[in-house]
Amino acid sequence: IKEEWWISTLGVLPEYRRRGIARELLQHSIQDFKTRGAKRAFLSVISENLPARNFYLKSGFVEFTGDIEMEHSGTQVDEPTLPSGYREKIMKRFDGQTKFALADKITPANVKQFAPLEEKDFYTGFLMRLVTPIIDRAEGVKHLNFVYYNATGEIIARMGIILRIREGGIVHAFLRTVPGHTALCDFLFQKILHIAGQENPDCRIVMSLPDWQEEALHTAKQAGFIRKVEYRSMAIDLKE
């Protein structure tokens, strides 16, 4: 039994709106989830789509987090120097233990309440690990991953970047940090720009940051990243 379900799309043609069709579709979907043993349902909606957000809120959904898509046109910057007091280590792509350790450390309690973290979800299955290099070659990308520790060995941040091995396309970046490490956060964004500028100078850089990574969002803006769109994550408890 799958306990968590996602509503990917709910739409009604303009000429048929304001007839209660959307509400009927939503209620039918939720009832179907319940009969299948679901305990919670999720959906994502664009922040600026206030009619949709209000509709879901009135239907019993609760907003619990958001993701902000950001973009940089790319630029050439010098290689930054790692601030003192930190240690950088190349991270294996499928290092689920490290990914979970940082996520568990920084994810706010209210987010965990709706989307509990399970360590098994951070690991990649054996078969997928075998076919992933083939998929990468087909898509023309390569992955670089780094993890950062403080002087006492505590995990502080991790950063990843998906580069192009062919012309064209987009560079994807990932970053998560423990709050209160402004100098390191600035270094990480400069490193992203440096690597992308060296490897893929003509590519745009895109990344997604949760709204609770406030320090990273502020530093991203200072580094020249532009906010493109924000998605609000919503959930409804289906347990009787």
Protein backbone atom coordinates (compact mmCIF):
# COMPACT_ATOMS: atom_id res chain seq x y z
CA ILE A 1 0.00 0.00 0.00
CA LYS A 2 1.34 3.39 -0.98
CA GLU A 3 0.61 5.74 1.92
CA GLU A 4 1.49 9.01 0.16
CA TRP A 5 0.01 10.17 -3.13
CA TRP A 6 0.65 13.20 -5.34
CA ILE A 7 -1.82 15.19 -7.41
CA SER A 8 0.24 16.18 -10.43
CA THR A 9 -2.29 18.20 -12.44
CA LEU A 10 -5.80 19.55 -11.91
CA GLY A 11 -7.22 21.81 -14.60
CA VAL A 12 -10.57 22.84 -16.05
CA LEU A 13 -11.13 24.52 -19.41
CA PRO A 14 -11.94 28.25 -19.00
CA GLU A 15 -15.46 27.92 -20.42
CA TYR A 16 -16.33 25.26 -17.82
CA ARG A 17 -14.93 26.97 -14.73
CA ARG A 18 -16.96 28.18 -11.74
CA ARG A 19 -19.26 25.18 -11.98
CA GLY A 20 -17.74 23.17 -9.13
CA ILE A 21 -15.98 20.77 -11.50
CA ALA A 22 -12.55 21.28 -9.94
CA ARG A 23 -13.93 20.64 -6.47
CA GLU A 24 -15.64 17.44 -7.64
CA LEU A 25 -12.45 16.22 -9.30
CA LEU A 26 -10.40 16.95 -6.19
CA GLN A 27 -12.87 15.30 -3.83
CA HIS A 28 -13.12 12.24 -6.07
CA SER A 29 -9.32 11.95 -6.18
CA ILE A 30 -9.01 12.24 -2.41
CA GLN A 31 -11.68 9.60 -1.87
CA ASP A 32 -9.89 7.31 -4.30
CA PHE A 33 -6.63 7.82 -2.39
CA LYS A 34 -8.36 6.87 0.85
CA THR A 35 -9.75 3.65 -0.60
CA ARG A 36 -6.21 2.75 -1.67
CA GLY A 37 -4.92 3.20 1.87
CA ALA A 38 -3.34 6.64 1.50
CA LYS A 39 -2.58 8.57 4.67
CA ARG A 40 -1.57 11.84 3.03
CA ALA A 41 -1.85 13.61 -0.34
CA PHE A 42 0.48 16.24 -1.75
CA LEU A 43 0.45 18.77 -4.56
CA SER A 44 2.53 21.68 -5.81
CA VAL A 45 1.19 25.00 -7.06
CA ILE A 46 2.83 28.14 -8.45
CA SER A 47 3.03 30.76 -5.70
CA GLU A 48 1.57 33.54 -7.84
CA ASN A 49 -1.48 31.42 -8.72
CA LEU A 50 -3.53 32.78 -5.83
CA PRO A 51 -6.92 31.40 -7.02
CA ALA A 52 -5.49 27.86 -7.08
CA ARG A 53 -3.72 28.28 -3.72
CA ASN A 54 -6.88 29.59 -2.06
CA PHE A 55 -8.92 26.78 -3.61
CA TYR A 56 -6.62 24.12 -2.16
CA LEU A 57 -6.47 25.84 1.23
CA LYS A 58 -10.26 25.95 1.42
CA SER A 59 -10.27 22.25 0.47
CA GLY A 60 -8.22 21.37 3.55
CA PHE A 61 -4.67 21.45 2.21
CA VAL A 62 -1.88 23.07 4.24
CA GLU A 63 1.19 24.83 2.84
CA PHE A 64 4.32 23.47 4.49
CA THR A 65 7.25 24.53 2.29
CA GLY A 66 8.20 26.07 -1.02
CA ASP A 67 10.83 25.73 -3.71
CA ILE A 68 12.26 28.68 -5.59
CA GLU A 69 13.64 28.11 -9.08
CA MET A 70 16.60 30.40 -9.81
CA GLU A 71 18.67 31.06 -12.91
CA HIS A 72 22.02 32.62 -13.81
CA SER A 73 23.08 33.56 -17.33
CA GLY A 74 26.61 32.33 -16.62
CA THR A 75 29.85 34.24 -16.21
CA GLN A 76 33.60 33.81 -15.81
CA VAL A 77 34.86 34.18 -12.25
CA ASP A 78 38.20 33.35 -10.65
CA GLU A 79 38.51 30.16 -8.65
CA PRO A 80 37.47 31.04 -5.07
CA THR A 81 39.48 30.17 -1.97
CA LEU A 82 37.85 27.94 0.63
CA PRO A 83 37.39 29.96 3.85
CA SER A 84 39.52 28.92 6.80
CA GLY A 85 37.95 26.51 9.24
CA TYR A 86 36.34 24.32 6.58
CA ARG A 87 37.33 21.14 4.80
CA GLU A 88 36.22 20.15 1.30
CA LYS A 89 35.84 16.57 0.17
CA ILE A 90 34.73 15.10 -3.15
CA MET A 91 31.52 13.22 -2.48
CA LYS A 92 30.56 10.02 -4.22
CA ARG A 93 27.46 10.46 -6.29
CA PHE A 94 25.51 7.69 -4.58
CA ASP A 95 26.59 8.51 -1.02
CA GLY A 96 23.13 8.30 0.52
CA GLN A 97 24.42 8.37 4.08
CA THR A 98 25.98 11.81 3.67
CA LYS A 99 22.94 13.17 1.83
CA PHE A 100 20.62 11.98 4.56
CA ALA A 101 22.85 13.26 7.38
CA LEU A 102 22.78 16.82 6.06
CA ALA A 103 19.10 16.76 5.11
CA ASP A 104 18.16 15.48 8.55
CA LYS A 105 20.27 18.19 10.16
CA ILE A 106 18.89 21.19 8.26
CA THR A 107 15.29 20.33 7.33
CA PRO A 108 12.88 22.29 9.56
CA ALA A 109 10.61 20.35 11.92
CA ASN A 110 7.43 21.63 10.26
CA VAL A 111 8.60 20.27 6.92
CA LYS A 112 9.49 16.91 8.44
CA GLN A 113 6.03 16.80 9.98
CA PHE A 114 4.44 16.61 6.54
CA ALA A 115 7.29 14.92 4.66
CA PRO A 116 9.26 12.76 7.12
CA LEU A 117 12.80 11.93 6.05
CA GLU A 118 13.69 8.27 5.66
CA GLU A 119 17.31 7.31 5.11
CA LYS A 120 16.39 4.61 2.58
CA ASP A 121 14.99 7.28 0.26
CA PHE A 122 18.47 8.79 -0.11
CA TYR A 123 19.99 5.61 -1.52
CA THR A 124 20.02 4.52 -5.15
CA GLY A 125 19.21 0.92 -6.03
CA PHE A 126 21.85 -1.39 -7.48
CA LEU A 127 20.33 -1.61 -10.96
CA MET A 128 19.91 2.16 -11.24
CA ARG A 129 23.54 2.63 -10.22
CA LEU A 130 24.51 0.36 -13.09
CA VAL A 131 22.45 2.11 -15.76
CA THR A 132 23.01 5.69 -14.58
CA PRO A 133 26.40 6.06 -16.38
CA ILE A 134 24.72 4.95 -19.60
CA ILE A 135 21.93 7.49 -19.10
CA ASP A 136 24.50 10.22 -18.41
CA ARG A 137 26.34 9.50 -21.64
CA ALA A 138 23.09 9.50 -23.58
CA GLU A 139 22.09 12.84 -22.07
CA GLY A 140 25.58 14.27 -22.47
CA VAL A 141 26.22 15.21 -18.82
CA LYS A 142 28.70 14.63 -16.02
CA HIS A 143 28.28 15.09 -12.27
CA LEU A 144 30.53 16.77 -9.70
CA ASN A 145 29.67 16.53 -6.00
CA PHE A 146 31.34 18.05 -2.95
CA VAL A 147 30.71 17.93 0.80
CA TYR A 148 31.99 20.39 3.40
CA TYR A 149 32.86 19.96 7.08
CA ASN A 150 33.86 22.36 9.82
CA ALA A 151 36.99 22.07 11.97
CA THR A 152 35.36 19.56 14.32
CA GLY A 153 34.20 17.30 11.48
CA GLU A 154 30.52 18.27 11.47
CA ILE A 155 28.85 18.26 8.06
CA ILE A 156 28.01 21.82 7.04
CA ALA A 157 27.10 21.80 3.36
CA ARG A 158 27.04 19.91 0.12
CA MET A 159 27.13 21.14 -3.42
CA GLY A 160 26.60 19.43 -6.75
CA ILE A 161 26.72 20.49 -10.36
CA ILE A 162 25.63 18.71 -13.54
CA LEU A 163 27.79 19.84 -16.45
CA ARG A 164 27.40 19.39 -20.18
CA ILE A 165 29.85 17.27 -22.16
CA ARG A 166 28.27 18.52 -25.37
CA GLU A 167 27.45 21.98 -26.64
CA GLY A 168 24.19 23.59 -25.62
CA GLY A 169 21.85 22.69 -22.83
CA ILE A 170 21.66 23.87 -19.24
CA VAL A 171 23.94 23.47 -16.22
CA HIS A 172 22.08 22.26 -13.13
CA ALA A 173 23.38 23.14 -9.66
CA PHE A 174 22.45 21.92 -6.19
CA LEU A 175 23.33 23.46 -2.83
CA ARG A 176 22.29 22.94 0.77
CA THR A 177 23.93 24.52 3.83
CA VAL A 178 23.62 24.71 7.58
CA PRO A 179 22.55 28.28 8.52
CA GLY A 180 25.12 30.66 9.94
CA HIS A 181 27.99 29.96 7.53
CA THR A 182 27.82 33.03 5.29
CA ALA A 183 31.44 32.93 4.13
CA LEU A 184 31.16 29.29 3.08
CA CYS A 185 27.84 29.94 1.35
CA ASP A 186 29.40 32.75 -0.69
CA PHE A 187 32.33 30.47 -1.59
CA LEU A 188 29.95 27.75 -2.80
CA PHE A 189 28.11 30.04 -5.18
CA GLN A 190 31.38 31.41 -6.52
CA LYS A 191 32.60 27.84 -7.02
CA ILE A 192 29.45 26.96 -8.95
CA LEU A 193 29.96 29.98 -11.21
CA HIS A 194 33.67 29.20 -11.62
CA ILE A 195 33.15 25.55 -12.57
CA ALA A 196 30.28 26.33 -14.92
CA GLY A 197 32.24 29.17 -16.51
CA GLN A 198 35.25 26.93 -17.08
CA GLU A 199 33.38 23.88 -18.36
CA ASN A 200 30.27 25.34 -20.01
CA PRO A 201 30.79 29.07 -20.56
CA ASP A 202 27.75 29.51 -22.82
CA CYS A 203 25.24 27.65 -20.65
CA ARG A 204 22.64 29.01 -18.28
CA ILE A 205 22.80 27.76 -14.68
CA VAL A 206 19.57 26.71 -12.98
CA MET A 207 18.97 25.58 -9.43
CA SER A 208 16.15 25.11 -6.93
CA LEU A 209 16.35 26.23 -3.31
CA PRO A 210 13.75 25.61 -0.57
CA ASP A 211 12.32 28.76 0.94
CA TRP A 212 13.76 27.84 4.35
CA GLN A 213 17.34 28.11 3.01
CA GLU A 214 17.17 31.85 3.57
CA GLU A 215 20.92 32.45 3.75
CA ALA A 216 21.51 30.58 0.49
CA LEU A 217 18.68 32.48 -1.23
CA HIS A 218 20.16 35.80 -0.15
CA THR A 219 23.65 34.80 -1.30
CA ALA A 220 22.31 33.49 -4.61
CA LYS A 221 20.77 36.88 -5.31
CA GLN A 222 24.06 38.60 -4.49
CA ALA A 223 25.84 36.20 -6.87
CA GLY A 224 23.55 37.24 -9.72
CA PHE A 225 20.94 34.48 -9.66
CA ILE A 226 17.46 35.62 -10.61
CA ARG A 227 14.26 34.20 -9.15
CA LYS A 228 12.18 32.66 -11.95
CA VAL A 229 9.26 30.95 -10.23
CA GLU A 230 8.25 29.71 -6.79
CA TYR A 231 6.27 26.56 -6.10
CA ARG A 232 4.32 26.03 -2.88
CA SER A 233 4.10 22.47 -1.57
CA MET A 234 0.81 21.56 0.07
CA ALA A 235 -0.46 18.51 1.92
CA ILE A 236 -3.68 17.11 3.34
CA ASP A 237 -3.97 14.46 6.05
CA LEU A 238 -6.23 11.61 4.97
CA LYS A 239 -6.11 9.52 8.14
CA GLU A 240 -9.52 8.95 9.69
